[in-house]
């Protein structure tokens, strides 16, 4: 205790201290993603973090987790509903039936209570998170993407 009765203040870092150098700067761009049973490494100077995450999800082969994460990311980051056909692209390559099955399983497991399904007037299917989008907004954005956008090009 100091004379004031308070514990002494922790030492302050001063500006003249030299930062510790990275002993392996050649690995500065290497990132790690830990899977259920494997580790995945990627070079963030050659691959975006987003694509690395998608590739990771595809490699982990958990369609329910992939579906949930992609729908929530699309709804929160962009914010828009995710077209079912988006998961047909690389690296996922999920058929429409597999996406619908992942949605049903996510709901059955209680892991996707915030995720809803909406259809545009042409029948295209979209999914969105009610945490980030209202049903009305999701419907309007799905309609814009599936029908109206084509008319405005």
C-alpha atoms as a PDB file:
ATOM      1  CA  UNK A   1       0.000   0.000   0.000  1.00  0.00           C
ATOM      2  CA  UNK A   2       1.145   3.493  -0.732  1.00  0.00           C
ATOM      3  CA  UNK A   3       1.009   6.335   1.761  1.00  0.00           C
ATOM      4  CA  UNK A   4      -2.437   7.278   0.454  1.00  0.00           C
ATOM      5  CA  UNK A   5      -3.814   3.885   1.450  1.00  0.00           C
ATOM      6  CA  UNK A   6      -4.396   2.784  -2.150  1.00  0.00           C
ATOM      7  CA  UNK A   7      -2.508  -0.019  -3.870  1.00  0.00           C
ATOM      8  CA  UNK A   8       0.343   1.201  -6.072  1.00  0.00           C
ATOM      9  CA  UNK A   9      -0.545   1.912  -9.706  1.00  0.00           C
ATOM     10  CA  UNK A  10       0.612  -0.679 -12.230  1.00  0.00           C
ATOM     11  CA  UNK A  11       3.692   0.305 -14.212  1.00  0.00           C
ATOM     12  CA  UNK A  12       2.872   2.348 -17.312  1.00  0.00           C
ATOM     13  CA  UNK A  13       4.300   1.467 -20.721  1.00  0.00           C
ATOM     14  CA  UNK A  14       6.449   4.313 -21.945  1.00  0.00           C
ATOM     15  CA  UNK A  15       6.875   5.419 -25.540  1.00  0.00           C
ATOM     16  CA  UNK A  16      10.612   4.702 -25.471  1.00  0.00           C
ATOM     17  CA  UNK A  17      10.042   0.973 -25.019  1.00  0.00           C
ATOM     18  CA  UNK A  18      10.913  -1.032 -28.131  1.00  0.00           C
ATOM     19  CA  UNK A  19       8.084  -3.320 -29.312  1.00  0.00           C
ATOM     20  CA  UNK A  20       8.925  -6.975 -29.529  1.00  0.00           C
ATOM     21  CA  UNK A  21       9.628  -7.972 -33.120  1.00  0.00           C
ATOM     22  CA  UNK A  22       7.742 -10.807 -34.792  1.00  0.00           C
ATOM     23  CA  UNK A  23      10.261 -13.668 -34.935  1.00  0.00           C
ATOM     24  CA  UNK A  24       8.604 -15.004 -38.132  1.00  0.00           C
ATOM     25  CA  UNK A  25       7.394 -12.102 -40.296  1.00  0.00           C
ATOM     26  CA  UNK A  26       7.102 -14.444 -43.293  1.00  0.00           C
ATOM     27  CA  UNK A  27       4.088 -16.002 -41.567  1.00  0.00           C
ATOM     28  CA  UNK A  28       2.325 -12.718 -40.795  1.00  0.00           C
ATOM     29  CA  UNK A  29      -0.365 -13.375 -43.425  1.00  0.00           C
ATOM     30  CA  UNK A  30      -1.120 -16.948 -42.360  1.00  0.00           C
ATOM     31  CA  UNK A  31      -4.463 -17.379 -40.594  1.00  0.00           C
ATOM     32  CA  UNK A  32      -5.924 -20.354 -38.752  1.00  0.00           C
ATOM     33  CA  UNK A  33      -9.492 -21.637 -38.666  1.00  0.00           C
ATOM     34  CA  UNK A  34     -10.169 -24.437 -36.191  1.00  0.00           C
ATOM     35  CA  UNK A  35     -12.718 -27.021 -37.273  1.00  0.00           C
ATOM     36  CA  UNK A  36     -14.416 -29.795 -35.386  1.00  0.00           C
ATOM     37  CA  UNK A  37     -11.641 -32.261 -36.228  1.00  0.00           C
ATOM     38  CA  UNK A  38      -9.156 -30.346 -38.374  1.00  0.00           C
ATOM     39  CA  UNK A  39      -7.150 -27.151 -38.581  1.00  0.00           C
ATOM     40  CA  UNK A  40      -7.307 -24.989 -41.701  1.00  0.00           C
ATOM     41  CA  UNK A  41      -4.608 -22.516 -42.682  1.00  0.00           C
ATOM     42  CA  UNK A  42      -4.839 -19.848 -45.358  1.00  0.00           C
ATOM     43  CA  UNK A  43      -2.858 -16.859 -46.562  1.00  0.00           C
ATOM     44  CA  UNK A  44      -4.918 -13.677 -46.186  1.00  0.00           C
ATOM     45  CA  UNK A  45      -2.841 -11.977 -48.874  1.00  0.00           C
ATOM     46  CA  UNK A  46      -4.092 -14.577 -51.366  1.00  0.00           C
ATOM     47  CA  UNK A  47      -7.646 -15.199 -50.100  1.00  0.00           C
ATOM     48  CA  UNK A  48     -10.208 -12.940 -48.457  1.00  0.00           C
ATOM     49  CA  UNK A  49     -11.264 -13.746 -44.913  1.00  0.00           C
ATOM     50  CA  UNK A  50     -14.861 -14.100 -46.137  1.00  0.00           C
ATOM     51  CA  UNK A  51     -14.015 -16.660 -48.823  1.00  0.00           C
ATOM     52  CA  UNK A  52     -11.731 -18.524 -46.427  1.00  0.00           C
ATOM     53  CA  UNK A  53     -14.651 -18.755 -43.995  1.00  0.00           C
ATOM     54  CA  UNK A  54     -16.946 -20.072 -46.745  1.00  0.00           C
ATOM     55  CA  UNK A  55     -14.340 -22.624 -47.828  1.00  0.00           C
ATOM     56  CA  UNK A  56     -13.936 -23.620 -44.186  1.00  0.00           C
ATOM     57  CA  UNK A  57     -17.700 -24.147 -43.810  1.00  0.00           C
ATOM     58  CA  UNK A  58     -17.790 -26.230 -46.994  1.00  0.00           C
ATOM     59  CA  UNK A  59     -14.841 -28.351 -45.850  1.00  0.00           C
ATOM     60  CA  UNK A  60     -16.436 -28.939 -42.446  1.00  0.00           C
ATOM     61  CA  UNK A  61     -19.420 -30.440 -44.328  1.00  0.00           C
ATOM     62  CA  UNK A  62     -22.085 -29.227 -41.895  1.00  0.00           C
ATOM     63  CA  UNK A  63     -24.914 -27.958 -44.131  1.00  0.00           C
ATOM     64  CA  UNK A  64     -26.982 -26.717 -41.180  1.00  0.00           C
ATOM     65  CA  UNK A  65     -24.168 -24.574 -39.747  1.00  0.00           C
ATOM     66  CA  UNK A  66     -23.322 -23.339 -43.249  1.00  0.00           C
ATOM     67  CA  UNK A  67     -26.926 -22.374 -43.948  1.00  0.00           C
ATOM     68  CA  UNK A  68     -27.387 -20.569 -40.627  1.00  0.00           C
ATOM     69  CA  UNK A  69     -24.118 -18.634 -40.826  1.00  0.00           C
ATOM     70  CA  UNK A  70     -24.587 -17.579 -44.460  1.00  0.00           C
ATOM     71  CA  UNK A  71     -28.186 -16.403 -43.976  1.00  0.00           C
ATOM     72  CA  UNK A  72     -27.319 -14.390 -40.877  1.00  0.00           C
ATOM     73  CA  UNK A  73     -24.236 -12.880 -42.509  1.00  0.00           C
ATOM     74  CA  UNK A  74     -26.183 -11.850 -45.615  1.00  0.00           C
ATOM     75  CA  UNK A  75     -28.922 -10.301 -43.471  1.00  0.00           C
ATOM     76  CA  UNK A  76     -26.581  -8.448 -41.146  1.00  0.00           C
ATOM     77  CA  UNK A  77     -23.727  -7.339 -43.386  1.00  0.00           C
ATOM     78  CA  UNK A  78     -25.514  -6.339 -46.589  1.00  0.00           C
ATOM     79  CA  UNK A  79     -28.586  -6.270 -45.283  1.00  0.00           C
ATOM     80  CA  UNK A  80     -30.640  -8.379 -47.665  1.00  0.00           C
ATOM     81  CA  UNK A  81     -32.193 -11.821 -47.812  1.00  0.00           C
ATOM     82  CA  UNK A  82     -30.046 -14.619 -49.199  1.00  0.00           C
ATOM     83  CA  UNK A  83     -31.203 -16.302 -52.393  1.00  0.00           C
ATOM     84  CA  UNK A  84     -31.477 -20.064 -52.046  1.00  0.00           C
ATOM     85  CA  UNK A  85     -29.471 -20.360 -55.267  1.00  0.00           C
ATOM     86  CA  UNK A  86     -26.528 -18.560 -53.623  1.00  0.00           C
ATOM     87  CA  UNK A  87     -25.564 -21.782 -51.896  1.00  0.00           C
ATOM     88  CA  UNK A  88     -25.423 -23.566 -55.271  1.00  0.00           C
ATOM     89  CA  UNK A  89     -22.228 -21.634 -56.026  1.00  0.00           C
ATOM     90  CA  UNK A  90     -18.695 -22.583 -55.041  1.00  0.00           C
ATOM     91  CA  UNK A  91     -17.566 -23.544 -52.514  1.00  0.00           C
ATOM     92  CA  UNK A  92     -20.886 -24.937 -51.218  1.00  0.00           C
ATOM     93  CA  UNK A  93     -22.554 -26.478 -54.282  1.00  0.00           C
ATOM     94  CA  UNK A  94     -25.770 -27.201 -52.393  1.00  0.00           C
ATOM     95  CA  UNK A  95     -28.818 -28.152 -54.426  1.00  0.00           C
ATOM     96  CA  UNK A  96     -32.166 -26.492 -53.639  1.00  0.00           C
ATOM     97  CA  UNK A  97     -33.346 -29.646 -51.835  1.00  0.00           C
ATOM     98  CA  UNK A  98     -30.247 -29.641 -49.619  1.00  0.00           C
ATOM     99  CA  UNK A  99     -30.790 -25.977 -48.711  1.00  0.00           C
ATOM    100  CA  UNK A 100     -34.428 -26.650 -47.822  1.00  0.00           C
ATOM    101  CA  UNK A 101     -33.373 -29.687 -45.766  1.00  0.00           C
ATOM    102  CA  UNK A 102     -30.755 -27.592 -43.921  1.00  0.00           C
ATOM    103  CA  UNK A 103     -33.410 -24.944 -43.176  1.00  0.00           C
ATOM    104  CA  UNK A 104     -35.851 -27.579 -41.875  1.00  0.00           C
ATOM    105  CA  UNK A 105     -33.156 -29.223 -39.744  1.00  0.00           C
ATOM    106  CA  UNK A 106     -31.952 -25.877 -38.353  1.00  0.00           C
ATOM    107  CA  UNK A 107     -35.523 -25.043 -37.348  1.00  0.00           C
ATOM    108  CA  UNK A 108     -36.090 -28.512 -35.859  1.00  0.00           C
ATOM    109  CA  UNK A 109     -32.904 -28.146 -33.780  1.00  0.00           C
ATOM    110  CA  UNK A 110     -34.051 -24.739 -32.523  1.00  0.00           C
ATOM    111  CA  UNK A 111     -30.903 -23.108 -33.953  1.00  0.00           C
ATOM    112  CA  UNK A 112     -32.673 -20.882 -36.470  1.00  0.00           C
ATOM    113  CA  UNK A 113     -35.719 -19.405 -34.762  1.00  0.00           C
ATOM    114  CA  UNK A 114     -34.775 -16.045 -36.303  1.00  0.00           C
ATOM    115  CA  UNK A 115     -34.545 -17.382 -39.875  1.00  0.00           C
ATOM    116  CA  UNK A 116     -37.527 -17.148 -42.202  1.00  0.00           C
ATOM    117  CA  UNK A 117     -38.241 -18.131 -45.792  1.00  0.00           C
ATOM    118  CA  UNK A 118     -39.795 -15.802 -48.379  1.00  0.00           C
ATOM    119  CA  UNK A 119     -40.645 -16.178 -52.072  1.00  0.00           C
ATOM    120  CA  UNK A 120     -40.560 -13.557 -54.791  1.00  0.00           C
ATOM    121  CA  UNK A 121     -43.462 -13.353 -57.268  1.00  0.00           C
ATOM    122  CA  UNK A 122     -41.480 -15.419 -59.798  1.00  0.00           C
ATOM    123  CA  UNK A 123     -41.039 -18.265 -57.272  1.00  0.00           C
ATOM    124  CA  UNK A 124     -37.396 -17.587 -56.351  1.00  0.00           C
ATOM    125  CA  UNK A 125     -36.768 -18.510 -52.708  1.00  0.00           C
ATOM    126  CA  UNK A 126     -34.879 -16.371 -50.194  1.00  0.00           C
ATOM    127  CA  UNK A 127     -33.978 -16.726 -46.519  1.00  0.00           C
ATOM    128  CA  UNK A 128     -33.361 -13.962 -43.991  1.00  0.00           C
ATOM    129  CA  UNK A 129     -32.832 -13.336 -40.296  1.00  0.00           C
ATOM    130  CA  UNK A 130     -35.559 -11.427 -38.464  1.00  0.00           C
ATOM    131  CA  UNK A 131     -32.818 -10.095 -36.188  1.00  0.00           C
ATOM    132  CA  UNK A 132     -31.668  -7.853 -39.049  1.00  0.00           C
ATOM    133  CA  UNK A 133     -34.606  -7.588 -41.474  1.00  0.00           C
ATOM    134  CA  UNK A 134     -38.348  -7.192 -41.041  1.00  0.00           C
ATOM    135  CA  UNK A 135     -40.571  -9.563 -43.027  1.00  0.00           C
ATOM    136  CA  UNK A 136     -41.825  -6.679 -45.140  1.00  0.00           C
ATOM    137  CA  UNK A 137     -38.320  -5.442 -45.948  1.00  0.00           C
ATOM    138  CA  UNK A 138     -37.100  -8.966 -46.748  1.00  0.00           C
ATOM    139  CA  UNK A 139     -40.057  -9.515 -49.087  1.00  0.00           C
ATOM    140  CA  UNK A 140     -39.421  -6.216 -50.874  1.00  0.00           C
ATOM    141  CA  UNK A 141     -35.701  -6.921 -51.266  1.00  0.00           C
ATOM    142  CA  UNK A 142     -36.362 -10.456 -52.530  1.00  0.00           C
ATOM    143  CA  UNK A 143     -38.837  -9.083 -55.085  1.00  0.00           C
ATOM    144  CA  UNK A 144     -36.319  -6.443 -56.168  1.00  0.00           C
ATOM    145  CA  UNK A 145     -33.528  -8.988 -56.590  1.00  0.00           C
ATOM    146  CA  UNK A 146     -35.596 -11.657 -58.359  1.00  0.00           C
ATOM    147  CA  UNK A 147     -37.906  -9.534 -60.528  1.00  0.00           C
ATOM    148  CA  UNK A 148     -37.454  -5.761 -60.506  1.00  0.00           C
ATOM    149  CA  UNK A 149     -33.666  -5.542 -60.778  1.00  0.00           C
ATOM    150  CA  UNK A 150     -33.714  -7.305 -64.164  1.00  0.00           C
ATOM    151  CA  UNK A 151     -36.226  -4.759 -65.465  1.00  0.00           C
ATOM    152  CA  UNK A 152     -33.944  -1.878 -64.434  1.00  0.00           C
ATOM    153  CA  UNK A 153     -30.761  -3.006 -66.148  1.00  0.00           C
END
